[in-house]
Protein backbone atom coordinates (compact mmCIF):
# COMPACT_ATOMS: atom_id res chain seq x y z
CA MET A 1 95.67 85.51 -16.48
CA THR A 2 97.96 83.29 -14.48
CA ILE A 3 97.02 80.60 -12.00
CA PHE A 4 97.94 82.99 -9.20
CA ASP A 5 95.49 85.60 -10.48
CA LEU A 6 92.82 82.93 -10.59
CA LEU A 7 93.67 81.90 -7.02
CA ILE A 8 93.38 85.51 -5.85
CA TRP A 9 90.02 86.08 -7.56
CA CYS A 10 88.54 82.78 -6.38
CA GLY A 11 89.75 83.52 -2.87
CA ALA A 12 88.17 86.96 -3.00
CA ALA A 13 84.87 85.48 -4.18
CA LEU A 14 84.96 82.88 -1.39
CA THR A 15 85.70 85.60 1.15
CA LEU A 16 82.76 87.69 -0.08
CA ALA A 17 80.48 84.65 0.10
CA GLY A 18 81.60 84.07 3.68
CA LEU A 19 81.03 87.70 4.60
CA SER A 20 77.55 87.63 3.12
CA GLY A 21 76.84 84.55 5.25
CA ILE A 22 78.05 86.39 8.36
CA PHE A 23 75.82 89.36 7.55
CA TRP A 24 72.89 86.97 7.03
CA CYS A 25 73.53 85.55 10.51
CA ILE A 26 73.55 89.03 12.07
CA TRP A 27 70.32 89.93 10.28
CA THR A 28 68.63 86.66 11.31
CA VAL A 29 69.59 87.06 14.98
CA GLN A 30 68.28 90.64 15.00
CA ARG A 31 64.97 89.48 13.52
CA ALA A 32 64.71 86.68 16.08
CA ARG A 33 65.34 89.09 18.95
CA ARG A 34 62.73 91.52 17.68
CA ALA A 35 60.20 88.70 17.36
CA ARG A 36 60.52 88.05 21.11
CA LEU A 37 60.28 84.28 20.73
CA ASP A 38 60.09 81.97 23.70
CA GLU A 39 63.34 80.31 24.73
CA ALA A 40 62.73 76.99 22.97
CA ALA A 41 61.87 78.59 19.62
CA PHE A 42 64.79 80.98 19.95
CA ARG A 43 67.21 78.10 20.60
CA VAL A 44 65.97 76.19 17.56
CA ARG A 45 66.51 79.22 15.35
CA MET A 46 69.93 79.92 16.85
CA GLN A 47 71.14 76.35 16.21
CA ARG A 48 70.76 76.91 12.49
CA VAL A 49 72.37 80.34 12.71
CA VAL A 50 75.40 78.95 14.56
CA THR A 51 75.89 76.30 11.88
CA VAL A 52 75.71 78.84 9.06
CA ASN A 53 77.96 81.21 10.99
CA MET A 54 80.68 78.58 11.42
CA ALA A 55 80.52 77.67 7.73
CA ALA A 56 80.70 81.35 6.76
CA LEU A 57 83.70 81.91 9.00
CA VAL A 58 85.50 78.91 7.51
CA ALA A 59 84.73 80.15 3.98
CA SER A 60 86.04 83.62 4.80
CA VAL A 61 89.25 82.27 6.32
CA LEU A 62 89.91 79.91 3.42
CA GLY A 63 89.23 82.70 0.93
CA LEU A 64 91.61 85.07 2.68
CA MET A 65 94.24 82.33 2.83
CA ALA A 66 93.87 81.79 -0.91
CA VAL A 67 94.27 85.51 -1.58
CA VAL A 68 97.40 85.76 0.57
CA ILE A 69 98.93 82.64 -0.97
CA GLY A 70 98.14 83.90 -4.47
CA ILE A 71 99.76 87.26 -3.72
CA MET A 72 102.83 85.71 -2.10
CA LEU A 73 103.43 83.18 -4.85
CA GLY A 74 102.52 85.51 -7.69
CA SER A 75 104.98 88.23 -6.87
C-alpha cells in the first residue's frame, strides 16, 4: 500500500464521516420540526445543527479533496 492509497482511503473515510454528519443534521431538523417547538427553543436547537452542519461540510470537502489528490498523484 502506497502513501497515495492511504491518502485515498483516509479521504474516503473523512468524506463518509462528513456525510454521516450531514444526515444527522437532516434527521435532527426533521425531529425538531415534528416536535413543534416554540421559536426560541427551535433557534437554540438550530444553532447547534448549523455548527455541526458546517463542520460536516468541511470534513466532506477535505475528504473529497484528499481522494482526488491521491488519485491524481497516484496514477
